[in-house]
Amino acid sequence: TSMRRFWNMADPWVEDYLCERVIRM
């Protein structure tokens, strides 16, 4: 879209990435 793209939330790599960047923080 004009300013954003969207994670593939069903992608295991994305889940691991967000666990590191969100949950761990």
PDBML (XML) file of the C-alpha atoms, coordinates in Angstrom:
<?xml version="1.0" encoding="UTF-8" ?>
<PDBx:datablock datablockName="MODEL"
   xmlns:PDBx="http://pdbml.pdb.org/schema/pdbx-v50.xsd"
   xmlns:xsi="http://www.w3.org/2001/XMLSchema-instance"
   xsi:schemaLocation="http://pdbml.pdb.org/schema/pdbx-v50.xsd pdbx-v50.xsd">
   <PDBx:atom_siteCategory>
      <PDBx:atom_site id="1">
         <PDBx:B_iso_or_equiv>0.00</PDBx:B_iso_or_equiv>
         <PDBx:Cartn_x>0.000</PDBx:Cartn_x>
         <PDBx:Cartn_y>0.000</PDBx:Cartn_y>
         <PDBx:Cartn_z>0.000</PDBx:Cartn_z>
         <PDBx:auth_asym_id>A</PDBx:auth_asym_id>
         <PDBx:auth_atom_id>CA</PDBx:auth_atom_id>
         <PDBx:auth_comp_id>THR</PDBx:auth_comp_id>
         <PDBx:auth_seq_id>1</PDBx:auth_seq_id>
         <PDBx:group_PDB>ATOM</PDBx:group_PDB>
         <PDBx:label_alt_id xsi:nil="true" />
         <PDBx:label_asym_id>A</PDBx:label_asym_id>
         <PDBx:label_atom_id>CA</PDBx:label_atom_id>
         <PDBx:label_comp_id>THR</PDBx:label_comp_id>
         <PDBx:label_entity_id>1</PDBx:label_entity_id>
         <PDBx:label_seq_id>1</PDBx:label_seq_id>
         <PDBx:occupancy>1.00</PDBx:occupancy>
         <PDBx:pdbx_PDB_model_num>1</PDBx:pdbx_PDB_model_num>
         <PDBx:type_symbol>C</PDBx:type_symbol>
      </PDBx:atom_site>
      <PDBx:atom_site id="2">
         <PDBx:B_iso_or_equiv>0.00</PDBx:B_iso_or_equiv>
         <PDBx:Cartn_x>1.134</PDBx:Cartn_x>
         <PDBx:Cartn_y>3.617</PDBx:Cartn_y>
         <PDBx:Cartn_z>0.062</PDBx:Cartn_z>
         <PDBx:auth_asym_id>A</PDBx:auth_asym_id>
         <PDBx:auth_atom_id>CA</PDBx:auth_atom_id>
         <PDBx:auth_comp_id>SER</PDBx:auth_comp_id>
         <PDBx:auth_seq_id>2</PDBx:auth_seq_id>
         <PDBx:group_PDB>ATOM</PDBx:group_PDB>
         <PDBx:label_alt_id xsi:nil="true" />
         <PDBx:label_asym_id>A</PDBx:label_asym_id>
         <PDBx:label_atom_id>CA</PDBx:label_atom_id>
         <PDBx:label_comp_id>SER</PDBx:label_comp_id>
         <PDBx:label_entity_id>1</PDBx:label_entity_id>
         <PDBx:label_seq_id>2</PDBx:label_seq_id>
         <PDBx:occupancy>1.00</PDBx:occupancy>
         <PDBx:pdbx_PDB_model_num>1</PDBx:pdbx_PDB_model_num>
         <PDBx:type_symbol>C</PDBx:type_symbol>
      </PDBx:atom_site>
      <PDBx:atom_site id="3">
         <PDBx:B_iso_or_equiv>0.00</PDBx:B_iso_or_equiv>
         <PDBx:Cartn_x>3.334</PDBx:Cartn_x>
         <PDBx:Cartn_y>3.186</PDBx:Cartn_y>
         <PDBx:Cartn_z>3.156</PDBx:Cartn_z>
         <PDBx:auth_asym_id>A</PDBx:auth_asym_id>
         <PDBx:auth_atom_id>CA</PDBx:auth_atom_id>
         <PDBx:auth_comp_id>MET</PDBx:auth_comp_id>
         <PDBx:auth_seq_id>3</PDBx:auth_seq_id>
         <PDBx:group_PDB>ATOM</PDBx:group_PDB>
         <PDBx:label_alt_id xsi:nil="true" />
         <PDBx:label_asym_id>A</PDBx:label_asym_id>
         <PDBx:label_atom_id>CA</PDBx:label_atom_id>
         <PDBx:label_comp_id>MET</PDBx:label_comp_id>
         <PDBx:label_entity_id>1</PDBx:label_entity_id>
         <PDBx:label_seq_id>3</PDBx:label_seq_id>
         <PDBx:occupancy>1.00</PDBx:occupancy>
         <PDBx:pdbx_PDB_model_num>1</PDBx:pdbx_PDB_model_num>
         <PDBx:type_symbol>C</PDBx:type_symbol>
      </PDBx:atom_site>
      <PDBx:atom_site id="4">
         <PDBx:B_iso_or_equiv>0.00</PDBx:B_iso_or_equiv>
         <PDBx:Cartn_x>3.201</PDBx:Cartn_x>
         <PDBx:Cartn_y>-0.462</PDBx:Cartn_y>
         <PDBx:Cartn_z>4.230</PDBx:Cartn_z>
         <PDBx:auth_asym_id>A</PDBx:auth_asym_id>
         <PDBx:auth_atom_id>CA</PDBx:auth_atom_id>
         <PDBx:auth_comp_id>ARG</PDBx:auth_comp_id>
         <PDBx:auth_seq_id>4</PDBx:auth_seq_id>
         <PDBx:group_PDB>ATOM</PDBx:group_PDB>
         <PDBx:label_alt_id xsi:nil="true" />
         <PDBx:label_asym_id>A</PDBx:label_asym_id>
         <PDBx:label_atom_id>CA</PDBx:label_atom_id>
         <PDBx:label_comp_id>ARG</PDBx:label_comp_id>
         <PDBx:label_entity_id>1</PDBx:label_entity_id>
         <PDBx:label_seq_id>4</PDBx:label_seq_id>
         <PDBx:occupancy>1.00</PDBx:occupancy>
         <PDBx:pdbx_PDB_model_num>1</PDBx:pdbx_PDB_model_num>
         <PDBx:type_symbol>C</PDBx:type_symbol>
      </PDBx:atom_site>
      <PDBx:atom_site id="5">
         <PDBx:B_iso_or_equiv>0.00</PDBx:B_iso_or_equiv>
         <PDBx:Cartn_x>3.689</PDBx:Cartn_x>
         <PDBx:Cartn_y>-4.096</PDBx:Cartn_y>
         <PDBx:Cartn_z>3.428</PDBx:Cartn_z>
         <PDBx:auth_asym_id>A</PDBx:auth_asym_id>
         <PDBx:auth_atom_id>CA</PDBx:auth_atom_id>
         <PDBx:auth_comp_id>ARG</PDBx:auth_comp_id>
         <PDBx:auth_seq_id>5</PDBx:auth_seq_id>
         <PDBx:group_PDB>ATOM</PDBx:group_PDB>
         <PDBx:label_alt_id xsi:nil="true" />
         <PDBx:label_asym_id>A</PDBx:label_asym_id>
         <PDBx:label_atom_id>CA</PDBx:label_atom_id>
         <PDBx:label_comp_id>ARG</PDBx:label_comp_id>
         <PDBx:label_entity_id>1</PDBx:label_entity_id>
         <PDBx:label_seq_id>5</PDBx:label_seq_id>
         <PDBx:occupancy>1.00</PDBx:occupancy>
         <PDBx:pdbx_PDB_model_num>1</PDBx:pdbx_PDB_model_num>
         <PDBx:type_symbol>C</PDBx:type_symbol>
      </PDBx:atom_site>
      <PDBx:atom_site id="6">
         <PDBx:B_iso_or_equiv>0.00</PDBx:B_iso_or_equiv>
         <PDBx:Cartn_x>2.374</PDBx:Cartn_x>
         <PDBx:Cartn_y>-7.030</PDBx:Cartn_y>
         <PDBx:Cartn_z>5.455</PDBx:Cartn_z>
         <PDBx:auth_asym_id>A</PDBx:auth_asym_id>
         <PDBx:auth_atom_id>CA</PDBx:auth_atom_id>
         <PDBx:auth_comp_id>PHE</PDBx:auth_comp_id>
         <PDBx:auth_seq_id>6</PDBx:auth_seq_id>
         <PDBx:group_PDB>ATOM</PDBx:group_PDB>
         <PDBx:label_alt_id xsi:nil="true" />
         <PDBx:label_asym_id>A</PDBx:label_asym_id>
         <PDBx:label_atom_id>CA</PDBx:label_atom_id>
         <PDBx:label_comp_id>PHE</PDBx:label_comp_id>
         <PDBx:label_entity_id>1</PDBx:label_entity_id>
         <PDBx:label_seq_id>6</PDBx:label_seq_id>
         <PDBx:occupancy>1.00</PDBx:occupancy>
         <PDBx:pdbx_PDB_model_num>1</PDBx:pdbx_PDB_model_num>
         <PDBx:type_symbol>C</PDBx:type_symbol>
      </PDBx:atom_site>
      <PDBx:atom_site id="7">
         <PDBx:B_iso_or_equiv>0.00</PDBx:B_iso_or_equiv>
         <PDBx:Cartn_x>4.137</PDBx:Cartn_x>
         <PDBx:Cartn_y>-9.914</PDBx:Cartn_y>
         <PDBx:Cartn_z>7.154</PDBx:Cartn_z>
         <PDBx:auth_asym_id>A</PDBx:auth_asym_id>
         <PDBx:auth_atom_id>CA</PDBx:auth_atom_id>
         <PDBx:auth_comp_id>TRP</PDBx:auth_comp_id>
         <PDBx:auth_seq_id>7</PDBx:auth_seq_id>
         <PDBx:group_PDB>ATOM</PDBx:group_PDB>
         <PDBx:label_alt_id xsi:nil="true" />
         <PDBx:label_asym_id>A</PDBx:label_asym_id>
         <PDBx:label_atom_id>CA</PDBx:label_atom_id>
         <PDBx:label_comp_id>TRP</PDBx:label_comp_id>
         <PDBx:label_entity_id>1</PDBx:label_entity_id>
         <PDBx:label_seq_id>7</PDBx:label_seq_id>
         <PDBx:occupancy>1.00</PDBx:occupancy>
         <PDBx:pdbx_PDB_model_num>1</PDBx:pdbx_PDB_model_num>
         <PDBx:type_symbol>C</PDBx:type_symbol>
      </PDBx:atom_site>
      <PDBx:atom_site id="8">
         <PDBx:B_iso_or_equiv>0.00</PDBx:B_iso_or_equiv>
         <PDBx:Cartn_x>3.048</PDBx:Cartn_x>
         <PDBx:Cartn_y>-13.407</PDBx:Cartn_y>
         <PDBx:Cartn_z>6.156</PDBx:Cartn_z>
         <PDBx:auth_asym_id>A</PDBx:auth_asym_id>
         <PDBx:auth_atom_id>CA</PDBx:auth_atom_id>
         <PDBx:auth_comp_id>ASN</PDBx:auth_comp_id>
         <PDBx:auth_seq_id>8</PDBx:auth_seq_id>
         <PDBx:group_PDB>ATOM</PDBx:group_PDB>
         <PDBx:label_alt_id xsi:nil="true" />
         <PDBx:label_asym_id>A</PDBx:label_asym_id>
         <PDBx:label_atom_id>CA</PDBx:label_atom_id>
         <PDBx:label_comp_id>ASN</PDBx:label_comp_id>
         <PDBx:label_entity_id>1</PDBx:label_entity_id>
         <PDBx:label_seq_id>8</PDBx:label_seq_id>
         <PDBx:occupancy>1.00</PDBx:occupancy>
         <PDBx:pdbx_PDB_model_num>1</PDBx:pdbx_PDB_model_num>
         <PDBx:type_symbol>C</PDBx:type_symbol>
      </PDBx:atom_site>
      <PDBx:atom_site id="9">
         <PDBx:B_iso_or_equiv>0.00</PDBx:B_iso_or_equiv>
         <PDBx:Cartn_x>1.947</PDBx:Cartn_x>
         <PDBx:Cartn_y>-14.259</PDBx:Cartn_y>
         <PDBx:Cartn_z>9.685</PDBx:Cartn_z>
         <PDBx:auth_asym_id>A</PDBx:auth_asym_id>
         <PDBx:auth_atom_id>CA</PDBx:auth_atom_id>
         <PDBx:auth_comp_id>MET</PDBx:auth_comp_id>
         <PDBx:auth_seq_id>9</PDBx:auth_seq_id>
         <PDBx:group_PDB>ATOM</PDBx:group_PDB>
         <PDBx:label_alt_id xsi:nil="true" />
         <PDBx:label_asym_id>A</PDBx:label_asym_id>
         <PDBx:label_atom_id>CA</PDBx:label_atom_id>
         <PDBx:label_comp_id>MET</PDBx:label_comp_id>
         <PDBx:label_entity_id>1</PDBx:label_entity_id>
         <PDBx:label_seq_id>9</PDBx:label_seq_id>
         <PDBx:occupancy>1.00</PDBx:occupancy>
         <PDBx:pdbx_PDB_model_num>1</PDBx:pdbx_PDB_model_num>
         <PDBx:type_symbol>C</PDBx:type_symbol>
      </PDBx:atom_site>
      <PDBx:atom_site id="10">
         <PDBx:B_iso_or_equiv>0.00</PDBx:B_iso_or_equiv>
         <PDBx:Cartn_x>1.636</PDBx:Cartn_x>
         <PDBx:Cartn_y>-17.967</PDBx:Cartn_y>
         <PDBx:Cartn_z>8.825</PDBx:Cartn_z>
         <PDBx:auth_asym_id>A</PDBx:auth_asym_id>
         <PDBx:auth_atom_id>CA</PDBx:auth_atom_id>
         <PDBx:auth_comp_id>ALA</PDBx:auth_comp_id>
         <PDBx:auth_seq_id>10</PDBx:auth_seq_id>
         <PDBx:group_PDB>ATOM</PDBx:group_PDB>
         <PDBx:label_alt_id xsi:nil="true" />
         <PDBx:label_asym_id>A</PDBx:label_asym_id>
         <PDBx:label_atom_id>CA</PDBx:label_atom_id>
         <PDBx:label_comp_id>ALA</PDBx:label_comp_id>
         <PDBx:label_entity_id>1</PDBx:label_entity_id>
         <PDBx:label_seq_id>10</PDBx:label_seq_id>
         <PDBx:occupancy>1.00</PDBx:occupancy>
         <PDBx:pdbx_PDB_model_num>1</PDBx:pdbx_PDB_model_num>
         <PDBx:type_symbol>C</PDBx:type_symbol>
      </PDBx:atom_site>
      <PDBx:atom_site id="11">
         <PDBx:B_iso_or_equiv>0.00</PDBx:B_iso_or_equiv>
         <PDBx:Cartn_x>5.335</PDBx:Cartn_x>
         <PDBx:Cartn_y>-18.122</PDBx:Cartn_y>
         <PDBx:Cartn_z>7.879</PDBx:Cartn_z>
         <PDBx:auth_asym_id>A</PDBx:auth_asym_id>
         <PDBx:auth_atom_id>CA</PDBx:auth_atom_id>
         <PDBx:auth_comp_id>ASP</PDBx:auth_comp_id>
         <PDBx:auth_seq_id>11</PDBx:auth_seq_id>
         <PDBx:group_PDB>ATOM</PDBx:group_PDB>
         <PDBx:label_alt_id xsi:nil="true" />
         <PDBx:label_asym_id>A</PDBx:label_asym_id>
         <PDBx:label_atom_id>CA</PDBx:label_atom_id>
         <PDBx:label_comp_id>ASP</PDBx:label_comp_id>
         <PDBx:label_entity_id>1</PDBx:label_entity_id>
         <PDBx:label_seq_id>11</PDBx:label_seq_id>
         <PDBx:occupancy>1.00</PDBx:occupancy>
         <PDBx:pdbx_PDB_model_num>1</PDBx:pdbx_PDB_model_num>
         <PDBx:type_symbol>C</PDBx:type_symbol>
      </PDBx:atom_site>
      <PDBx:atom_site id="12">
         <PDBx:B_iso_or_equiv>0.00</PDBx:B_iso_or_equiv>
         <PDBx:Cartn_x>7.348</PDBx:Cartn_x>
         <PDBx:Cartn_y>-19.857</PDBx:Cartn_y>
         <PDBx:Cartn_z>10.666</PDBx:Cartn_z>
         <PDBx:auth_asym_id>A</PDBx:auth_asym_id>
         <PDBx:auth_atom_id>CA</PDBx:auth_atom_id>
         <PDBx:auth_comp_id>PRO</PDBx:auth_comp_id>
         <PDBx:auth_seq_id>12</PDBx:auth_seq_id>
         <PDBx:group_PDB>ATOM</PDBx:group_PDB>
         <PDBx:label_alt_id xsi:nil="true" />
         <PDBx:label_asym_id>A</PDBx:label_asym_id>
         <PDBx:label_atom_id>CA</PDBx:label_atom_id>
         <PDBx:label_comp_id>PRO</PDBx:label_comp_id>
         <PDBx:label_entity_id>1</PDBx:label_entity_id>
         <PDBx:label_seq_id>12</PDBx:label_seq_id>
         <PDBx:occupancy>1.00</PDBx:occupancy>
         <PDBx:pdbx_PDB_model_num>1</PDBx:pdbx_PDB_model_num>
         <PDBx:type_symbol>C</PDBx:type_symbol>
      </PDBx:atom_site>
      <PDBx:atom_site id="13">
         <PDBx:B_iso_or_equiv>0.00</PDBx:B_iso_or_equiv>
         <PDBx:Cartn_x>10.288</PDBx:Cartn_x>
         <PDBx:Cartn_y>-17.533</PDBx:Cartn_y>
         <PDBx:Cartn_z>9.951</PDBx:Cartn_z>
         <PDBx:auth_asym_id>A</PDBx:auth_asym_id>
         <PDBx:auth_atom_id>CA</PDBx:auth_atom_id>
         <PDBx:auth_comp_id>TRP</PDBx:auth_comp_id>
         <PDBx:auth_seq_id>13</PDBx:auth_seq_id>
         <PDBx:group_PDB>ATOM</PDBx:group_PDB>
         <PDBx:label_alt_id xsi:nil="true" />
         <PDBx:label_asym_id>A</PDBx:label_asym_id>
         <PDBx:label_atom_id>CA</PDBx:label_atom_id>
         <PDBx:label_comp_id>TRP</PDBx:label_comp_id>
         <PDBx:label_entity_id>1</PDBx:label_entity_id>
         <PDBx:label_seq_id>13</PDBx:label_seq_id>
         <PDBx:occupancy>1.00</PDBx:occupancy>
         <PDBx:pdbx_PDB_model_num>1</PDBx:pdbx_PDB_model_num>
         <PDBx:type_symbol>C</PDBx:type_symbol>
      </PDBx:atom_site>
      <PDBx:atom_site id="14">
         <PDBx:B_iso_or_equiv>0.00</PDBx:B_iso_or_equiv>
         <PDBx:Cartn_x>8.055</PDBx:Cartn_x>
         <PDBx:Cartn_y>-14.514</PDBx:Cartn_y>
         <PDBx:Cartn_z>10.617</PDBx:Cartn_z>
         <PDBx:auth_asym_id>A</PDBx:auth_asym_id>
         <PDBx:auth_atom_id>CA</PDBx:auth_atom_id>
         <PDBx:auth_comp_id>VAL</PDBx:auth_comp_id>
         <PDBx:auth_seq_id>14</PDBx:auth_seq_id>
         <PDBx:group_PDB>ATOM</PDBx:group_PDB>
         <PDBx:label_alt_id xsi:nil="true" />
         <PDBx:label_asym_id>A</PDBx:label_asym_id>
         <PDBx:label_atom_id>CA</PDBx:label_atom_id>
         <PDBx:label_comp_id>VAL</PDBx:label_comp_id>
         <PDBx:label_entity_id>1</PDBx:label_entity_id>
         <PDBx:label_seq_id>14</PDBx:label_seq_id>
         <PDBx:occupancy>1.00</PDBx:occupancy>
         <PDBx:pdbx_PDB_model_num>1</PDBx:pdbx_PDB_model_num>
         <PDBx:type_symbol>C</PDBx:type_symbol>
      </PDBx:atom_site>
      <PDBx:atom_site id="15">
         <PDBx:B_iso_or_equiv>0.00</PDBx:B_iso_or_equiv>
         <PDBx:Cartn_x>6.819</PDBx:Cartn_x>
         <PDBx:Cartn_y>-16.025</PDBx:Cartn_y>
         <PDBx:Cartn_z>13.876</PDBx:Cartn_z>
         <PDBx:auth_asym_id>A</PDBx:auth_asym_id>
         <PDBx:auth_atom_id>CA</PDBx:auth_atom_id>
         <PDBx:auth_comp_id>GLU</PDBx:auth_comp_id>
         <PDBx:auth_seq_id>15</PDBx:auth_seq_id>
         <PDBx:group_PDB>ATOM</PDBx:group_PDB>
         <PDBx:label_alt_id xsi:nil="true" />
         <PDBx:label_asym_id>A</PDBx:label_asym_id>
         <PDBx:label_atom_id>CA</PDBx:label_atom_id>
         <PDBx:label_comp_id>GLU</PDBx:label_comp_id>
         <PDBx:label_entity_id>1</PDBx:label_entity_id>
         <PDBx:label_seq_id>15</PDBx:label_seq_id>
         <PDBx:occupancy>1.00</PDBx:occupancy>
         <PDBx:pdbx_PDB_model_num>1</PDBx:pdbx_PDB_model_num>
         <PDBx:type_symbol>C</PDBx:type_symbol>
      </PDBx:atom_site>
      <PDBx:atom_site id="16">
         <PDBx:B_iso_or_equiv>0.00</PDBx:B_iso_or_equiv>
         <PDBx:Cartn_x>10.418</PDBx:Cartn_x>
         <PDBx:Cartn_y>-16.549</PDBx:Cartn_y>
         <PDBx:Cartn_z>15.019</PDBx:Cartn_z>
         <PDBx:auth_asym_id>A</PDBx:auth_asym_id>
         <PDBx:auth_atom_id>CA</PDBx:auth_atom_id>
         <PDBx:auth_comp_id>ASP</PDBx:auth_comp_id>
         <PDBx:auth_seq_id>16</PDBx:auth_seq_id>
         <PDBx:group_PDB>ATOM</PDBx:group_PDB>
         <PDBx:label_alt_id xsi:nil="true" />
         <PDBx:label_asym_id>A</PDBx:label_asym_id>
         <PDBx:label_atom_id>CA</PDBx:label_atom_id>
         <PDBx:label_comp_id>ASP</PDBx:label_comp_id>
         <PDBx:label_entity_id>1</PDBx:label_entity_id>
         <PDBx:label_seq_id>16</PDBx:label_seq_id>
         <PDBx:occupancy>1.00</PDBx:occupancy>
         <PDBx:pdbx_PDB_model_num>1</PDBx:pdbx_PDB_model_num>
         <PDBx:type_symbol>C</PDBx:type_symbol>
      </PDBx:atom_site>
      <PDBx:atom_site id="17">
         <PDBx:B_iso_or_equiv>0.00</PDBx:B_iso_or_equiv>
         <PDBx:Cartn_x>11.329</PDBx:Cartn_x>
         <PDBx:Cartn_y>-12.999</PDBx:Cartn_y>
         <PDBx:Cartn_z>13.953</PDBx:Cartn_z>
         <PDBx:auth_asym_id>A</PDBx:auth_asym_id>
         <PDBx:auth_atom_id>CA</PDBx:auth_atom_id>
         <PDBx:auth_comp_id>TYR</PDBx:auth_comp_id>
         <PDBx:auth_seq_id>17</PDBx:auth_seq_id>
         <PDBx:group_PDB>ATOM</PDBx:group_PDB>
         <PDBx:label_alt_id xsi:nil="true" />
         <PDBx:label_asym_id>A</PDBx:label_asym_id>
         <PDBx:label_atom_id>CA</PDBx:label_atom_id>
         <PDBx:label_comp_id>TYR</PDBx:label_comp_id>
         <PDBx:label_entity_id>1</PDBx:label_entity_id>
         <PDBx:label_seq_id>17</PDBx:label_seq_id>
         <PDBx:occupancy>1.00</PDBx:occupancy>
         <PDBx:pdbx_PDB_model_num>1</PDBx:pdbx_PDB_model_num>
         <PDBx:type_symbol>C</PDBx:type_symbol>
      </PDBx:atom_site>
      <PDBx:atom_site id="18">
         <PDBx:B_iso_or_equiv>0.00</PDBx:B_iso_or_equiv>
         <PDBx:Cartn_x>8.417</PDBx:Cartn_x>
         <PDBx:Cartn_y>-11.491</PDBx:Cartn_y>
         <PDBx:Cartn_z>15.895</PDBx:Cartn_z>
         <PDBx:auth_asym_id>A</PDBx:auth_asym_id>
         <PDBx:auth_atom_id>CA</PDBx:auth_atom_id>
         <PDBx:auth_comp_id>LEU</PDBx:auth_comp_id>
         <PDBx:auth_seq_id>18</PDBx:auth_seq_id>
         <PDBx:group_PDB>ATOM</PDBx:group_PDB>
         <PDBx:label_alt_id xsi:nil="true" />
         <PDBx:label_asym_id>A</PDBx:label_asym_id>
         <PDBx:label_atom_id>CA</PDBx:label_atom_id>
         <PDBx:label_comp_id>LEU</PDBx:label_comp_id>
         <PDBx:label_entity_id>1</PDBx:label_entity_id>
         <PDBx:label_seq_id>18</PDBx:label_seq_id>
         <PDBx:occupancy>1.00</PDBx:occupancy>
         <PDBx:pdbx_PDB_model_num>1</PDBx:pdbx_PDB_model_num>
         <PDBx:type_symbol>C</PDBx:type_symbol>
      </PDBx:atom_site>
      <PDBx:atom_site id="19">
         <PDBx:B_iso_or_equiv>0.00</PDBx:B_iso_or_equiv>
         <PDBx:Cartn_x>9.161</PDBx:Cartn_x>
         <PDBx:Cartn_y>-13.662</PDBx:Cartn_y>
         <PDBx:Cartn_z>18.917</PDBx:Cartn_z>
         <PDBx:auth_asym_id>A</PDBx:auth_asym_id>
         <PDBx:auth_atom_id>CA</PDBx:auth_atom_id>
         <PDBx:auth_comp_id>CYS</PDBx:auth_comp_id>
         <PDBx:auth_seq_id>19</PDBx:auth_seq_id>
         <PDBx:group_PDB>ATOM</PDBx:group_PDB>
         <PDBx:label_alt_id xsi:nil="true" />
         <PDBx:label_asym_id>A</PDBx:label_asym_id>
         <PDBx:label_atom_id>CA</PDBx:label_atom_id>
         <PDBx:label_comp_id>CYS</PDBx:label_comp_id>
         <PDBx:label_entity_id>1</PDBx:label_entity_id>
         <PDBx:label_seq_id>19</PDBx:label_seq_id>
         <PDBx:occupancy>1.00</PDBx:occupancy>
         <PDBx:pdbx_PDB_model_num>1</PDBx:pdbx_PDB_model_num>
         <PDBx:type_symbol>C</PDBx:type_symbol>
      </PDBx:atom_site>
      <PDBx:atom_site id="20">
         <PDBx:B_iso_or_equiv>0.00</PDBx:B_iso_or_equiv>
         <PDBx:Cartn_x>12.623</PDBx:Cartn_x>
         <PDBx:Cartn_y>-12.118</PDBx:Cartn_y>
         <PDBx:Cartn_z>18.936</PDBx:Cartn_z>
         <PDBx:auth_asym_id>A</PDBx:auth_asym_id>
         <PDBx:auth_atom_id>CA</PDBx:auth_atom_id>
         <PDBx:auth_comp_id>GLU</PDBx:auth_comp_id>
         <PDBx:auth_seq_id>20</PDBx:auth_seq_id>
         <PDBx:group_PDB>ATOM</PDBx:group_PDB>
         <PDBx:label_alt_id xsi:nil="true" />
         <PDBx:label_asym_id>A</PDBx:label_asym_id>
         <PDBx:label_atom_id>CA</PDBx:label_atom_id>
         <PDBx:label_comp_id>GLU</PDBx:label_comp_id>
         <PDBx:label_entity_id>1</PDBx:label_entity_id>
         <PDBx:label_seq_id>20</PDBx:label_seq_id>
         <PDBx:occupancy>1.00</PDBx:occupancy>
         <PDBx:pdbx_PDB_model_num>1</PDBx:pdbx_PDB_model_num>
         <PDBx:type_symbol>C</PDBx:type_symbol>
      </PDBx:atom_site>
      <PDBx:atom_site id="21">
         <PDBx:B_iso_or_equiv>0.00</PDBx:B_iso_or_equiv>
         <PDBx:Cartn_x>11.664</PDBx:Cartn_x>
         <PDBx:Cartn_y>-8.513</PDBx:Cartn_y>
         <PDBx:Cartn_z>18.163</PDBx:Cartn_z>
         <PDBx:auth_asym_id>A</PDBx:auth_asym_id>
         <PDBx:auth_atom_id>CA</PDBx:auth_atom_id>
         <PDBx:auth_comp_id>ARG</PDBx:auth_comp_id>
         <PDBx:auth_seq_id>21</PDBx:auth_seq_id>
         <PDBx:group_PDB>ATOM</PDBx:group_PDB>
         <PDBx:label_alt_id xsi:nil="true" />
         <PDBx:label_asym_id>A</PDBx:label_asym_id>
         <PDBx:label_atom_id>CA</PDBx:label_atom_id>
         <PDBx:label_comp_id>ARG</PDBx:label_comp_id>
         <PDBx:label_entity_id>1</PDBx:label_entity_id>
         <PDBx:label_seq_id>21</PDBx:label_seq_id>
         <PDBx:occupancy>1.00</PDBx:occupancy>
         <PDBx:pdbx_PDB_model_num>1</PDBx:pdbx_PDB_model_num>
         <PDBx:type_symbol>C</PDBx:type_symbol>
      </PDBx:atom_site>
      <PDBx:atom_site id="22">
         <PDBx:B_iso_or_equiv>0.00</PDBx:B_iso_or_equiv>
         <PDBx:Cartn_x>8.369</PDBx:Cartn_x>
         <PDBx:Cartn_y>-8.317</PDBx:Cartn_y>
         <PDBx:Cartn_z>20.085</PDBx:Cartn_z>
         <PDBx:auth_asym_id>A</PDBx:auth_asym_id>
         <PDBx:auth_atom_id>CA</PDBx:auth_atom_id>
         <PDBx:auth_comp_id>VAL</PDBx:auth_comp_id>
         <PDBx:auth_seq_id>22</PDBx:auth_seq_id>
         <PDBx:group_PDB>ATOM</PDBx:group_PDB>
         <PDBx:label_alt_id xsi:nil="true" />
         <PDBx:label_asym_id>A</PDBx:label_asym_id>
         <PDBx:label_atom_id>CA</PDBx:label_atom_id>
         <PDBx:label_comp_id>VAL</PDBx:label_comp_id>
         <PDBx:label_entity_id>1</PDBx:label_entity_id>
         <PDBx:label_seq_id>22</PDBx:label_seq_id>
         <PDBx:occupancy>1.00</PDBx:occupancy>
         <PDBx:pdbx_PDB_model_num>1</PDBx:pdbx_PDB_model_num>
         <PDBx:type_symbol>C</PDBx:type_symbol>
      </PDBx:atom_site>
      <PDBx:atom_site id="23">
         <PDBx:B_iso_or_equiv>0.00</PDBx:B_iso_or_equiv>
         <PDBx:Cartn_x>8.030</PDBx:Cartn_x>
         <PDBx:Cartn_y>-10.983</PDBx:Cartn_y>
         <PDBx:Cartn_z>22.782</PDBx:Cartn_z>
         <PDBx:auth_asym_id>A</PDBx:auth_asym_id>
         <PDBx:auth_atom_id>CA</PDBx:auth_atom_id>
         <PDBx:auth_comp_id>ILE</PDBx:auth_comp_id>
         <PDBx:auth_seq_id>23</PDBx:auth_seq_id>
         <PDBx:group_PDB>ATOM</PDBx:group_PDB>
         <PDBx:label_alt_id xsi:nil="true" />
         <PDBx:label_asym_id>A</PDBx:label_asym_id>
         <PDBx:label_atom_id>CA</PDBx:label_atom_id>
         <PDBx:label_comp_id>ILE</PDBx:label_comp_id>
         <PDBx:label_entity_id>1</PDBx:label_entity_id>
         <PDBx:label_seq_id>23</PDBx:label_seq_id>
         <PDBx:occupancy>1.00</PDBx:occupancy>
         <PDBx:pdbx_PDB_model_num>1</PDBx:pdbx_PDB_model_num>
         <PDBx:type_symbol>C</PDBx:type_symbol>
      </PDBx:atom_site>
      <PDBx:atom_site id="24">
         <PDBx:B_iso_or_equiv>0.00</PDBx:B_iso_or_equiv>
         <PDBx:Cartn_x>11.679</PDBx:Cartn_x>
         <PDBx:Cartn_y>-10.934</PDBx:Cartn_y>
         <PDBx:Cartn_z>23.806</PDBx:Cartn_z>
         <PDBx:auth_asym_id>A</PDBx:auth_asym_id>
         <PDBx:auth_atom_id>CA</PDBx:auth_atom_id>
         <PDBx:auth_comp_id>ARG</PDBx:auth_comp_id>
         <PDBx:auth_seq_id>24</PDBx:auth_seq_id>
         <PDBx:group_PDB>ATOM</PDBx:group_PDB>
         <PDBx:label_alt_id xsi:nil="true" />
         <PDBx:label_asym_id>A</PDBx:label_asym_id>
         <PDBx:label_atom_id>CA</PDBx:label_atom_id>
         <PDBx:label_comp_id>ARG</PDBx:label_comp_id>
         <PDBx:label_entity_id>1</PDBx:label_entity_id>
         <PDBx:label_seq_id>24</PDBx:label_seq_id>
         <PDBx:occupancy>1.00</PDBx:occupancy>
         <PDBx:pdbx_PDB_model_num>1</PDBx:pdbx_PDB_model_num>
         <PDBx:type_symbol>C</PDBx:type_symbol>
      </PDBx:atom_site>
      <PDBx:atom_site id="25">
         <PDBx:B_iso_or_equiv>0.00</PDBx:B_iso_or_equiv>
         <PDBx:Cartn_x>11.653</PDBx:Cartn_x>
         <PDBx:Cartn_y>-7.151</PDBx:Cartn_y>
         <PDBx:Cartn_z>24.036</PDBx:Cartn_z>
         <PDBx:auth_asym_id>A</PDBx:auth_asym_id>
         <PDBx:auth_atom_id>CA</PDBx:auth_atom_id>
         <PDBx:auth_comp_id>MET</PDBx:auth_comp_id>
         <PDBx:auth_seq_id>25</PDBx:auth_seq_id>
         <PDBx:group_PDB>ATOM</PDBx:group_PDB>
         <PDBx:label_alt_id xsi:nil="true" />
         <PDBx:label_asym_id>A</PDBx:label_asym_id>
         <PDBx:label_atom_id>CA</PDBx:label_atom_id>
         <PDBx:label_comp_id>MET</PDBx:label_comp_id>
         <PDBx:label_entity_id>1</PDBx:label_entity_id>
         <PDBx:label_seq_id>25</PDBx:label_seq_id>
         <PDBx:occupancy>1.00</PDBx:occupancy>
         <PDBx:pdbx_PDB_model_num>1</PDBx:pdbx_PDB_model_num>
         <PDBx:type_symbol>C</PDBx:type_symbol>
      </PDBx:atom_site>
   </PDBx:atom_siteCategory>
</PDBx:datablock>
